[in-house]
Amino acid sequence: TESRRKAKESLLLHDIAVVCRALYERDSRESFCHPSLWLGPLTEEGRDKLNVTPSLARHFIVGAKAEGIEFNSARSVTANLLTVSPQCFRFDDRVALYREIVALDKEMGGWNKAPAFGGPIPSRVTIRRNFLIEDALGQVAKLGRATKGRIEVTFVNEAGLAEAGLDHGGLVKEFLEEFAKKCFDPNLALFRSTDDGCLHPSPLAEHQDNGLPLLYLVGMVIGKCLYEGIMLDVK
């Protein structure tokens, strides 16, 4: 029947995309293909850019759970190919789509609204500069989804006094950058540095006190930075 034929085509396309992703990951470790090869199919079809639309962004937030990994429509073909084998699309286009997804997520969740207009109450954390990692682990790690909203940071100096100032985004940015800087320091042994300066999680991390919870918190911090468009000096 027609439905069975479409189901078989969907499964075949999904398997092809999975194989393409596996080849790409292998090429990332030791290159054997020209970078333009992965964009070949789209270039041959005359599609120079990904058509970033609110409906495509909505698919990743709402539609993906309902439709699953099925290549059953023009929109879901694009969306699921982006999910399974994203290297088939230009990086700049994927960044543009990500920004559209974040903007839509903020709108749907009310994360960009002030409390007076129905937005969530800001999360407040107090961070001692001498114990920045410990305080972050004790307070920020518990926020969960609330990290998508506004976080108000109060710093406590070495003398135990709260530093003056209102957090209009600058203090939380400083906190995120300082936390990342300390955690990515190879001397902390949470991460190791490769010969070309790239970082990856250290096998020793799980043997440290709070090593795995700290790695989870690092992921939350990176996610917050990506969500807010904050650049970290790390690769």
Protein backbone atom coordinates (compact mmCIF):
# COMPACT_ATOMS: atom_id res chain seq x y z
CA THR A 1 0.00 0.00 0.00
CA GLU A 2 0.96 3.66 -0.29
CA SER A 3 1.47 4.02 3.48
CA ARG A 4 3.81 1.02 3.60
CA ARG A 5 5.81 2.36 0.66
CA LYS A 6 6.22 5.73 2.37
CA ALA A 7 7.23 3.99 5.60
CA LYS A 8 9.93 2.04 3.77
CA GLU A 9 11.19 5.21 2.04
CA SER A 10 11.28 7.00 5.40
CA LEU A 11 13.31 4.21 6.98
CA LEU A 12 15.70 4.09 4.01
CA LEU A 13 16.29 7.85 4.07
CA HIS A 14 16.86 7.73 7.81
CA ASP A 15 19.43 4.92 7.46
CA ILE A 16 21.23 6.80 4.69
CA ALA A 17 21.40 9.90 6.88
CA VAL A 18 22.80 7.83 9.78
CA VAL A 19 25.52 6.36 7.56
CA CYS A 20 26.35 9.82 6.22
CA ARG A 21 26.71 11.09 9.80
CA ALA A 22 29.01 8.18 10.70
CA LEU A 23 31.22 8.92 7.68
CA TYR A 24 31.33 12.58 8.62
CA GLU A 25 32.38 11.82 12.21
CA ARG A 26 35.12 9.55 10.89
CA ASP A 27 36.25 12.31 8.55
CA SER A 28 36.28 14.77 11.48
CA ARG A 29 38.90 12.63 13.25
CA GLU A 30 41.10 12.19 10.16
CA SER A 31 39.96 14.04 7.08
CA PHE A 32 39.69 12.14 3.82
CA CYS A 33 37.03 14.28 2.09
CA HIS A 34 36.87 17.87 0.91
CA PRO A 35 34.57 19.89 3.23
CA SER A 36 32.29 20.81 0.34
CA LEU A 37 31.46 17.14 -0.22
CA TRP A 38 28.98 17.08 2.65
CA LEU A 39 27.07 19.96 1.07
CA GLY A 40 27.12 18.32 -2.35
CA PRO A 41 23.51 17.06 -2.56
CA LEU A 42 22.04 20.46 -1.66
CA THR A 43 24.42 22.31 -3.97
CA GLU A 44 23.53 20.02 -6.87
CA GLU A 45 19.86 20.77 -6.31
CA GLY A 46 20.57 24.49 -6.51
CA ARG A 47 19.76 25.13 -2.85
CA ASP A 48 22.37 27.59 -1.64
CA LYS A 49 20.75 28.35 1.71
CA LEU A 50 18.53 26.65 4.25
CA ASN A 51 15.10 28.24 4.36
CA VAL A 52 14.89 29.18 8.03
CA THR A 53 11.27 29.71 8.99
CA PRO A 54 9.34 29.86 12.28
CA SER A 55 7.49 26.68 11.27
CA LEU A 56 10.78 24.82 10.86
CA ALA A 57 11.94 26.08 14.27
CA ARG A 58 8.62 25.07 15.80
CA HIS A 59 9.13 21.53 14.50
CA PHE A 60 12.18 21.14 16.76
CA ILE A 61 10.29 22.39 19.82
CA VAL A 62 6.84 20.89 19.28
CA GLY A 63 6.61 18.78 16.15
CA ALA A 64 9.64 16.55 16.66
CA LYS A 65 8.04 14.66 19.56
CA ALA A 66 4.80 14.20 17.68
CA GLU A 67 6.27 13.17 14.34
CA GLY A 68 9.30 11.20 15.49
CA ILE A 69 12.15 10.46 13.10
CA GLU A 70 10.04 10.08 9.98
CA PHE A 71 10.83 11.56 6.57
CA ASN A 72 7.18 11.96 5.61
CA SER A 73 6.90 15.56 4.45
CA ALA A 74 9.07 18.29 2.95
CA ARG A 75 9.36 20.04 6.32
CA SER A 76 10.09 16.90 8.32
CA VAL A 77 12.64 15.74 5.73
CA THR A 78 14.60 18.95 6.33
CA ALA A 79 14.07 18.91 10.10
CA ASN A 80 15.03 15.27 10.57
CA LEU A 81 18.01 15.54 8.24
CA LEU A 82 19.17 18.45 10.39
CA THR A 83 18.74 16.23 13.46
CA VAL A 84 20.38 13.08 12.13
CA SER A 85 22.97 14.49 9.73
CA PRO A 86 23.30 18.26 10.29
CA GLN A 87 26.61 18.58 8.41
CA CYS A 88 24.59 18.45 5.18
CA PHE A 89 23.68 22.10 5.81
CA ARG A 90 25.97 25.10 6.01
CA PHE A 91 27.12 26.10 9.48
CA ASP A 92 25.87 29.68 9.12
CA ASP A 93 22.42 28.38 8.21
CA ARG A 94 22.37 26.08 11.23
CA VAL A 95 23.33 29.01 13.47
CA ALA A 96 20.49 31.08 11.99
CA LEU A 97 18.06 28.21 12.62
CA TYR A 98 19.32 27.79 16.18
CA ARG A 99 18.74 31.49 16.89
CA GLU A 100 15.22 31.17 15.50
CA ILE A 101 14.61 28.15 17.74
CA VAL A 102 15.87 30.02 20.81
CA ALA A 103 13.76 33.08 20.04
CA LEU A 104 10.67 30.90 19.64
CA ASP A 105 11.45 28.94 22.80
CA LYS A 106 11.81 32.17 24.79
CA GLU A 107 8.51 33.42 23.43
CA MET A 108 6.63 30.17 24.09
CA GLY A 109 8.08 29.79 27.59
CA GLY A 110 7.78 33.46 28.51
CA TRP A 111 11.48 33.49 29.40
CA ASN A 112 12.00 36.93 27.89
CA LYS A 113 9.10 38.53 29.78
CA ALA A 114 9.34 40.55 32.97
CA PRO A 115 7.47 39.09 35.98
CA ALA A 116 4.97 41.96 35.80
CA PHE A 117 3.97 40.75 32.33
CA GLY A 118 3.68 37.07 33.18
CA GLY A 119 7.33 36.09 33.03
CA PRO A 120 9.09 33.94 35.64
CA ILE A 121 10.61 35.45 38.77
CA PRO A 122 14.40 35.79 38.33
CA SER A 123 16.56 33.19 40.04
CA ARG A 124 18.90 34.71 42.61
CA VAL A 125 22.27 33.23 43.51
CA THR A 126 25.01 34.44 45.83
CA ILE A 127 28.52 33.58 44.72
CA ARG A 128 31.59 33.89 46.92
CA ARG A 129 34.54 34.70 44.70
CA ASN A 130 36.83 32.47 46.76
CA PHE A 131 34.40 29.55 46.41
CA LEU A 132 32.93 30.22 42.99
CA ILE A 133 32.82 26.58 41.84
CA GLU A 134 31.42 25.29 45.15
CA ASP A 135 28.68 27.92 45.29
CA ALA A 136 27.77 27.37 41.66
CA LEU A 137 27.47 23.64 42.28
CA GLY A 138 25.29 24.25 45.33
CA GLN A 139 22.98 26.84 43.80
CA VAL A 140 23.06 27.04 39.99
CA ALA A 141 22.96 23.28 39.45
CA LYS A 142 19.57 23.14 41.19
CA LEU A 143 17.91 25.67 38.90
CA GLY A 144 17.12 23.19 36.12
CA ARG A 145 14.91 24.72 33.41
CA ALA A 146 14.92 28.02 35.30
CA THR A 147 18.39 28.66 33.85
CA LYS A 148 16.57 29.67 30.67
CA GLY A 149 15.23 32.68 32.54
CA ARG A 150 16.97 35.60 34.12
CA ILE A 151 19.58 34.87 36.79
CA GLU A 152 20.55 37.61 39.22
CA VAL A 153 24.03 37.20 40.66
CA THR A 154 25.41 38.77 43.83
CA PHE A 155 29.15 38.43 44.30
CA VAL A 156 30.71 38.25 47.76
CA ASN A 157 34.30 39.46 47.97
CA GLU A 158 37.22 37.97 49.87
CA ALA A 159 36.28 39.99 52.96
CA GLY A 160 32.84 38.40 53.05
CA LEU A 161 31.03 41.54 51.92
CA ALA A 162 28.44 41.65 49.16
CA GLU A 163 29.68 43.68 46.23
CA ALA A 164 27.57 46.68 45.30
CA GLY A 165 25.84 46.78 41.96
CA LEU A 166 22.69 45.73 40.14
CA ASP A 167 22.73 42.79 37.78
CA HIS A 168 21.45 43.93 34.39
CA GLY A 169 23.17 41.04 32.61
CA GLY A 170 26.78 41.99 33.19
CA LEU A 171 27.23 40.14 36.47
CA VAL A 172 25.74 36.87 35.26
CA LYS A 173 27.95 37.10 32.17
CA GLU A 174 30.97 37.61 34.41
CA PHE A 175 29.94 34.63 36.54
CA LEU A 176 29.48 32.34 33.54
CA GLU A 177 32.83 33.34 32.07
CA GLU A 178 34.70 32.97 35.38
CA PHE A 179 33.09 29.60 36.11
CA ALA A 180 33.96 28.28 32.66
CA LYS A 181 37.51 29.60 32.94
CA LYS A 182 38.08 27.80 36.24
CA CYS A 183 36.46 24.52 35.15
CA PHE A 184 38.24 24.39 31.80
CA ASP A 185 41.61 24.88 33.48
CA PRO A 186 43.45 21.56 32.82
CA ASN A 187 44.99 21.81 36.29
CA LEU A 188 41.53 21.12 37.75
CA ALA A 189 41.62 17.78 35.87
CA LEU A 190 38.02 18.00 34.70
CA PHE A 191 39.27 18.49 31.14
CA ARG A 192 42.37 17.63 29.19
CA SER A 193 43.99 19.69 26.48
CA THR A 194 45.03 18.21 23.13
CA ASP A 195 48.20 19.18 21.31
CA ASP A 196 46.29 21.74 19.24
CA GLY A 197 44.68 23.34 22.29
CA CYS A 198 41.25 21.70 22.18
CA LEU A 199 39.64 20.49 25.41
CA HIS A 200 37.84 17.24 26.12
CA PRO A 201 36.51 15.68 29.36
CA SER A 202 39.21 13.97 31.37
CA PRO A 203 38.87 10.29 32.31
CA LEU A 204 39.97 11.36 35.79
CA ALA A 205 36.90 13.56 36.28
CA GLU A 206 34.69 10.74 37.57
CA HIS A 207 37.23 9.92 40.29
CA GLN A 208 37.20 13.46 41.72
CA ASP A 209 34.90 14.74 44.42
CA ASN A 210 31.81 16.04 42.62
CA GLY A 211 33.57 15.45 39.31
CA LEU A 212 30.54 14.20 37.39
CA PRO A 213 28.10 16.77 38.88
CA LEU A 214 30.59 19.46 37.90
CA LEU A 215 30.71 18.20 34.32
CA TYR A 216 26.91 18.31 34.26
CA LEU A 217 27.02 21.89 35.56
CA VAL A 218 29.59 22.81 32.92
CA GLY A 219 27.08 21.57 30.35
CA MET A 220 24.38 23.76 31.90
CA VAL A 221 26.68 26.80 31.81
CA ILE A 222 27.62 26.20 28.18
CA GLY A 223 23.93 25.76 27.37
CA LYS A 224 23.09 29.05 29.09
CA CYS A 225 25.83 30.82 27.14
CA LEU A 226 24.55 29.41 23.86
CA TYR A 227 20.98 30.34 24.81
CA GLU A 228 21.94 33.94 25.56
CA GLY A 229 24.56 34.35 22.83
CA ILE A 230 27.48 34.70 25.26
CA MET A 231 30.87 33.83 23.78
CA LEU A 232 33.35 31.74 25.77
CA ASP A 233 37.05 31.79 25.00
CA VAL A 234 37.42 28.03 24.71
CA LYS A 235 37.42 25.37 22.04
